[in-house]
């Protein structure tokens, strides 16, 4: 990531579990670990691309809307 990427506060285990149940999946260990450090974030990457990572609490709704 780059200094222009804004990390969010950590997700709780409950938020992560609710997202997994709502999506009917188990997240990979690395993704769970990342959510426990930063519950989403957005900003520019070092290559100039812009990235948005949704918080755990928005994953079910956003995946339903975006299909």
Protein backbone atom coordinates (compact mmCIF):
# COMPACT_ATOMS: atom_id res chain seq x y z
CA UNK A 1 0.00 0.00 0.00
CA UNK A 2 1.06 3.59 -0.06
CA UNK A 3 1.06 6.47 2.42
CA UNK A 4 -2.05 7.76 0.62
CA UNK A 5 -4.06 4.65 1.58
CA UNK A 6 -6.36 5.22 4.56
CA UNK A 7 -6.73 2.20 6.83
CA UNK A 8 -9.80 1.82 9.02
CA UNK A 9 -9.97 0.63 12.64
CA UNK A 10 -10.04 -3.16 13.13
CA UNK A 11 -13.15 -5.29 12.57
CA UNK A 12 -14.48 -7.31 15.48
CA UNK A 13 -14.74 -11.10 15.38
CA UNK A 14 -18.53 -10.65 15.40
CA UNK A 15 -18.45 -8.40 12.31
CA UNK A 16 -16.24 -10.88 10.47
CA UNK A 17 -18.39 -13.88 11.46
CA UNK A 18 -21.59 -12.06 10.45
CA UNK A 19 -20.09 -11.32 7.03
CA UNK A 20 -19.01 -14.94 6.58
CA UNK A 21 -22.45 -16.25 7.55
CA UNK A 22 -24.23 -13.68 5.39
CA UNK A 23 -22.11 -14.59 2.38
CA UNK A 24 -22.11 -18.32 3.11
CA UNK A 25 -18.30 -18.54 3.07
CA UNK A 26 -15.32 -18.84 5.35
CA UNK A 27 -12.74 -16.13 4.71
CA UNK A 28 -9.14 -17.17 4.12
CA UNK A 29 -6.94 -16.82 7.19
CA UNK A 30 -4.93 -13.98 5.65
CA UNK A 31 -8.07 -11.95 4.90
CA UNK A 32 -9.43 -12.48 8.42
CA UNK A 33 -6.08 -11.35 9.85
CA UNK A 34 -6.16 -8.25 7.66
CA UNK A 35 -9.73 -7.38 8.76
CA UNK A 36 -8.63 -7.71 12.39
CA UNK A 37 -5.99 -5.05 11.66
CA UNK A 38 -7.97 -2.82 9.29
CA UNK A 39 -11.69 -3.12 8.64
CA UNK A 40 -11.53 -1.82 5.09
CA UNK A 41 -9.85 1.21 3.69
CA UNK A 42 -9.33 3.20 0.55
CA UNK A 43 -6.82 5.30 -1.25
CA UNK A 44 -4.17 5.41 -3.90
CA UNK A 45 -1.69 2.58 -4.31
CA UNK A 46 1.97 3.12 -5.11
CA UNK A 47 1.25 2.49 -8.82
CA UNK A 48 -1.38 5.26 -8.87
CA UNK A 49 -4.44 2.97 -8.92
CA UNK A 50 -7.26 3.71 -6.48
CA UNK A 51 -8.46 0.84 -4.27
CA UNK A 52 -11.54 0.54 -2.06
CA UNK A 53 -11.76 -2.36 0.40
CA UNK A 54 -15.20 -2.60 1.98
CA UNK A 55 -15.58 -3.01 5.75
CA UNK A 56 -16.82 -6.42 6.95
CA UNK A 57 -20.20 -4.92 7.88
CA UNK A 58 -20.81 -3.78 4.29
CA UNK A 59 -19.68 -6.93 2.47
CA UNK A 60 -23.05 -8.73 2.43
CA UNK A 61 -25.06 -5.71 1.30
CA UNK A 62 -22.53 -4.60 -1.29
CA UNK A 63 -22.11 -8.09 -2.74
CA UNK A 64 -25.90 -8.41 -3.00
CA UNK A 65 -26.20 -5.04 -4.75
CA UNK A 66 -23.27 -5.57 -7.11
CA UNK A 67 -24.05 -9.26 -7.70
